Amino acid sequence: MAGPLLEVRDLRKSFGGIHAVQGLSFGVDEGETLGLIGPNGAGKTTVFNLIMAELKPTGGEIWFRGENITRVPTHERVKRGIARTYQVPQPFGEMSVGANIRVGMAPDDLWKLVTEGADHAAEAEIGRSVGFSDEQIDTLPSELAMGDLRRLEMARNVAVSPALLLLDEVFAGLTLREIAHISELLVEKKRKDGLTYIIVSHDLRALAPLVDRVIVMSFGAAIAQGTFDEVVRDAAVREAYLGQ
């Protein structure tokens, strides 16, 4: 594959007179971990929604693995290797942790997989890989604390076997120990499977050791990019993001 794994070209999204994303362009190489940071309302989650076709862009293009996917629907983007988590976890509430993971393993054959062809060993292994005990595999999401719900989001996405995983505030609501566990998981998946990440996070201390590069957004536009140390020293970033 020539070029970046994902490339965003002059991406724009407006809601009436509000320009949520303004001419954003960037690429993400295979195996890279990119941080996307900025103040609240900067447009970070909107970018994720556009990459996943949950919103239609006002302008610009999205390319993945050398193909223009701007008009490709969400389920096809998932098939091609893009997955995401959400700021607010969105599990299937009536299904157990294991069944939620199972859906990720074969989302196009949900009913058959849940009722007939369940691979309980595989779902348990994925669950354990993000920190669930064997007993928790049979629990409902309503019985889980926020940290466990974050892990379930991770497990569901790991089950899809994506090439690119978009992580939206994956550390929010987690204890330091849980953050360390998730961070170790991300590093291991990157090392073992070459997984590529874009991570949105307000927890800069958790983000810093994970990212190869950072893009800083403010009012829908990129105002800086570079290594983590470079961007946090940037005067425009300190003014827009850190309030200095």
Protein backbone atom coordinates (compact mmCIF):
# COMPACT_ATOMS: atom_id res chain seq x y z
CA MET A 1 0.00 0.00 0.00
CA ALA A 2 1.44 3.35 -1.04
CA GLY A 3 0.80 6.44 1.07
CA PRO A 4 -0.91 6.78 4.46
CA LEU A 5 -3.33 4.21 5.83
CA LEU A 6 -5.86 7.02 6.35
CA GLU A 7 -5.78 10.40 4.64
CA VAL A 8 -8.14 13.29 5.31
CA ARG A 9 -8.10 15.96 2.59
CA ASP A 10 -9.53 19.45 3.17
CA LEU A 11 -12.28 17.99 5.35
CA ARG A 12 -15.10 20.39 6.22
CA LYS A 13 -18.32 20.14 8.19
CA SER A 14 -20.76 22.98 8.84
CA PHE A 15 -23.95 23.02 10.87
CA GLY A 16 -25.76 26.07 9.58
CA GLY A 17 -23.39 28.94 10.22
CA ILE A 18 -21.19 26.93 12.60
CA HIS A 19 -18.01 25.57 11.00
CA ALA A 20 -17.25 22.52 13.14
CA VAL A 21 -14.39 21.32 10.90
CA GLN A 22 -12.55 23.76 8.65
CA GLY A 23 -10.24 22.51 5.91
CA LEU A 24 -8.63 19.76 7.99
CA SER A 25 -5.96 17.68 6.25
CA PHE A 26 -3.76 14.98 7.74
CA GLY A 27 -2.54 11.45 7.16
CA VAL A 28 -1.97 8.50 9.48
CA ASP A 29 0.62 5.90 8.59
CA GLU A 30 0.09 2.20 9.22
CA GLY A 31 1.22 1.32 12.74
CA GLU A 32 1.26 4.96 13.88
CA THR A 33 -0.47 6.31 16.98
CA LEU A 34 -1.82 9.80 16.38
CA GLY A 35 -3.15 11.99 19.17
CA LEU A 36 -5.95 14.46 18.40
CA ILE A 37 -6.28 17.06 21.13
CA GLY A 38 -7.83 20.46 21.68
CA PRO A 39 -10.30 22.30 23.91
CA ASN A 40 -13.95 21.32 24.20
CA GLY A 41 -15.80 22.20 21.00
CA ALA A 42 -12.66 22.04 18.86
CA GLY A 43 -14.25 19.51 16.49
CA LYS A 44 -12.41 16.34 17.48
CA THR A 45 -15.43 14.06 17.87
CA THR A 46 -16.95 15.54 14.71
CA VAL A 47 -13.83 14.38 12.85
CA PHE A 48 -14.39 10.85 14.17
CA ASN A 49 -18.04 11.01 13.12
CA LEU A 50 -16.98 12.03 9.62
CA ILE A 51 -14.35 9.30 9.36
CA MET A 52 -16.99 6.72 10.35
CA ALA A 53 -19.67 8.17 8.00
CA GLU A 54 -21.90 8.98 10.95
CA LEU A 55 -21.95 12.49 9.51
CA LYS A 56 -21.70 13.57 5.89
CA PRO A 57 -18.96 16.10 5.16
CA THR A 58 -19.77 19.51 3.78
CA GLY A 59 -16.62 19.20 1.69
CA GLY A 60 -13.34 17.37 1.34
CA GLU A 61 -12.43 13.70 1.02
CA ILE A 62 -11.50 10.72 3.18
CA TRP A 63 -9.16 8.07 1.80
CA PHE A 64 -8.39 4.68 3.37
CA ARG A 65 -5.85 2.21 2.05
CA GLY A 66 -5.53 4.25 -1.12
CA GLU A 67 -9.26 4.33 -1.89
CA ASN A 68 -11.67 7.24 -1.68
CA ILE A 69 -14.26 6.22 0.94
CA THR A 70 -15.98 9.60 1.27
CA ARG A 71 -19.29 8.14 0.11
CA VAL A 72 -18.84 4.66 1.58
CA PRO A 73 -21.39 3.87 4.36
CA THR A 74 -20.42 3.10 7.94
CA HIS A 75 -20.83 -0.68 7.81
CA GLU A 76 -18.59 -0.88 4.75
CA ARG A 77 -15.93 1.20 6.47
CA VAL A 78 -16.01 -1.23 9.38
CA LYS A 79 -15.58 -4.14 6.96
CA ARG A 80 -12.60 -2.38 5.41
CA GLY A 81 -10.92 -2.07 8.79
CA ILE A 82 -12.00 1.09 10.66
CA ALA A 83 -13.59 0.94 14.11
CA ARG A 84 -14.26 3.42 16.91
CA THR A 85 -15.17 3.84 20.56
CA TYR A 86 -17.47 6.54 21.94
CA GLN A 87 -17.15 9.08 24.75
CA VAL A 88 -20.28 7.53 26.26
CA PRO A 89 -20.11 3.73 25.97
CA GLN A 90 -22.93 2.27 23.88
CA PRO A 91 -23.20 -1.46 24.60
CA PHE A 92 -26.19 -3.64 23.79
CA GLY A 93 -27.81 -3.43 27.21
CA GLU A 94 -29.86 -6.62 26.94
CA MET A 95 -26.82 -8.72 26.02
CA SER A 96 -24.09 -10.04 28.30
CA VAL A 97 -20.50 -8.83 28.09
CA GLY A 98 -19.64 -11.96 26.11
CA ALA A 99 -22.53 -11.47 23.68
CA ASN A 100 -21.48 -7.85 23.12
CA ILE A 101 -17.98 -9.04 22.24
CA ARG A 102 -19.47 -11.74 19.99
CA VAL A 103 -21.33 -9.11 17.96
CA GLY A 104 -18.01 -7.48 17.15
CA MET A 105 -16.63 -10.79 15.95
CA ALA A 106 -19.30 -11.09 13.21
CA PRO A 107 -21.54 -8.01 13.05
CA ASP A 108 -23.15 -9.03 9.74
CA ASP A 109 -24.48 -12.30 11.15
CA LEU A 110 -25.64 -11.11 14.54
CA TRP A 111 -28.64 -13.36 15.16
CA LYS A 112 -27.01 -16.58 14.00
CA LEU A 113 -23.86 -15.87 15.96
CA VAL A 114 -25.66 -15.02 19.19
CA THR A 115 -28.10 -17.94 19.04
CA GLU A 116 -26.26 -20.71 17.21
CA GLY A 117 -22.62 -20.25 16.39
CA ALA A 118 -21.19 -18.72 19.54
CA ASP A 119 -17.45 -19.03 20.02
CA HIS A 120 -17.40 -18.64 23.79
CA ALA A 121 -13.68 -19.40 24.06
CA ALA A 122 -12.80 -16.61 21.65
CA GLU A 123 -15.05 -14.03 23.32
CA ALA A 124 -13.71 -14.98 26.76
CA GLU A 125 -10.15 -14.61 25.51
CA ILE A 126 -10.86 -11.16 24.12
CA GLY A 127 -12.59 -10.23 27.36
CA ARG A 128 -9.62 -11.37 29.42
CA SER A 129 -7.27 -9.41 27.15
CA VAL A 130 -8.91 -6.17 28.31
CA GLY A 131 -9.13 -7.18 31.95
CA PHE A 132 -12.48 -8.96 32.38
CA SER A 133 -12.69 -11.97 34.66
CA ASP A 134 -14.43 -15.12 33.42
CA GLU A 135 -17.33 -14.35 35.76
CA GLN A 136 -17.80 -10.88 34.26
CA ILE A 137 -18.22 -12.33 30.76
CA ASP A 138 -21.74 -13.42 31.74
CA THR A 139 -22.79 -10.13 33.37
CA LEU A 140 -24.92 -7.41 31.80
CA PRO A 141 -23.50 -3.95 30.98
CA SER A 142 -25.85 -2.41 33.55
CA GLU A 143 -23.87 -4.23 36.25
CA LEU A 144 -20.56 -2.72 35.16
CA ALA A 145 -18.78 0.35 36.50
CA MET A 146 -17.60 3.02 34.04
CA GLY A 147 -14.10 1.60 33.89
CA ASP A 148 -15.49 -1.80 32.90
CA LEU A 149 -17.75 -0.19 30.29
CA ARG A 150 -14.67 1.43 28.75
CA ARG A 151 -13.02 -1.99 28.63
CA LEU A 152 -16.11 -3.46 26.99
CA GLU A 153 -15.91 -0.78 24.29
CA MET A 154 -12.30 -1.80 23.72
CA ALA A 155 -13.18 -5.50 23.62
CA ARG A 156 -15.98 -4.98 21.09
CA ASN A 157 -13.61 -3.11 18.80
CA VAL A 158 -10.73 -5.55 19.22
CA ALA A 159 -13.19 -8.27 18.14
CA VAL A 160 -13.68 -6.52 14.78
CA SER A 161 -9.92 -6.93 14.08
CA PRO A 162 -9.57 -3.39 12.71
CA ALA A 163 -6.55 -1.89 11.02
CA LEU A 164 -7.44 1.58 12.35
CA LEU A 165 -9.08 2.19 15.72
CA LEU A 166 -10.47 5.59 16.69
CA LEU A 167 -10.47 5.99 20.47
CA ASP A 168 -12.67 8.80 21.78
CA GLU A 169 -11.79 9.67 25.41
CA VAL A 170 -10.94 6.05 26.14
CA PHE A 171 -9.35 7.01 29.49
CA ALA A 172 -12.29 9.05 30.79
CA GLY A 173 -13.63 7.80 34.12
CA LEU A 174 -10.83 5.29 34.65
CA THR A 175 -8.60 4.82 37.66
CA LEU A 176 -4.83 5.10 37.27
CA ARG A 177 -4.58 1.31 37.36
CA GLU A 178 -7.24 0.94 34.64
CA ILE A 179 -5.51 3.59 32.51
CA ALA A 180 -2.26 1.64 32.83
CA HIS A 181 -4.00 -1.59 31.81
CA ILE A 182 -5.65 -0.05 28.75
CA SER A 183 -2.37 1.64 27.77
CA GLU A 184 -0.54 -1.67 28.00
CA LEU A 185 -3.22 -3.28 25.85
CA LEU A 186 -2.90 -0.58 23.19
CA VAL A 187 0.88 -0.94 23.10
CA GLU A 188 0.64 -4.74 22.87
CA LYS A 189 -1.93 -4.67 20.05
CA LYS A 190 0.22 -2.19 18.15
CA ARG A 191 3.33 -4.32 18.62
CA LYS A 192 1.67 -7.64 17.86
CA ASP A 193 -0.87 -6.74 15.19
CA GLY A 194 0.39 -3.44 13.79
CA LEU A 195 -2.81 -1.71 14.89
CA THR A 196 -3.04 1.99 14.05
CA TYR A 197 -4.73 4.45 16.43
CA ILE A 198 -6.13 7.94 16.49
CA ILE A 199 -6.72 8.87 20.12
CA VAL A 200 -8.79 11.79 21.39
CA SER A 201 -8.04 12.41 25.06
CA HIS A 202 -8.08 15.21 27.60
CA ASP A 203 -5.79 13.13 29.81
CA LEU A 204 -2.50 14.35 28.42
CA ARG A 205 -0.42 12.42 30.93
CA ALA A 206 -1.98 9.15 29.74
CA LEU A 207 -1.71 10.18 26.09
CA ALA A 208 1.91 11.38 26.07
CA PRO A 209 3.73 8.01 26.22
CA LEU A 210 1.45 6.43 23.59
CA VAL A 211 1.52 8.86 20.67
CA ASP A 212 4.03 9.18 17.86
CA ARG A 213 2.55 12.49 16.73
CA VAL A 214 -0.12 14.95 17.84
CA ILE A 215 -2.50 17.26 15.98
CA VAL A 216 -4.01 20.12 17.95
CA MET A 217 -7.41 21.46 16.89
CA SER A 218 -9.09 24.73 17.80
CA PHE A 219 -12.40 25.97 16.36
CA GLY A 220 -12.42 23.16 13.80
CA ALA A 221 -8.95 23.74 12.38
CA ALA A 222 -5.51 22.27 13.02
CA ILE A 223 -3.31 24.86 14.72
CA ALA A 224 -0.24 22.71 15.38
CA GLN A 225 1.16 19.25 14.82
CA GLY A 226 4.33 17.43 15.76
CA THR A 227 5.62 15.32 18.61
CA PHE A 228 3.87 15.62 21.96
CA ASP A 229 6.70 17.70 23.42
CA GLU A 230 6.72 20.01 20.40
CA VAL A 231 3.02 20.80 20.47
CA VAL A 232 2.73 21.42 24.21
CA ARG A 233 5.51 24.01 23.91
CA ASP A 234 3.80 25.74 20.97
CA ALA A 235 2.59 29.23 21.89
CA ALA A 236 -0.67 28.93 19.93
CA VAL A 237 -1.43 25.63 21.63
CA ARG A 238 -0.75 27.02 25.09
CA GLU A 239 -3.12 29.90 24.38
CA ALA A 240 -5.93 27.87 22.77
CA TYR A 241 -5.72 24.61 24.69
CA LEU A 242 -3.93 25.26 27.94
CA GLY A 243 -5.24 28.77 28.50
CA GLN A 244 -1.79 30.31 28.83
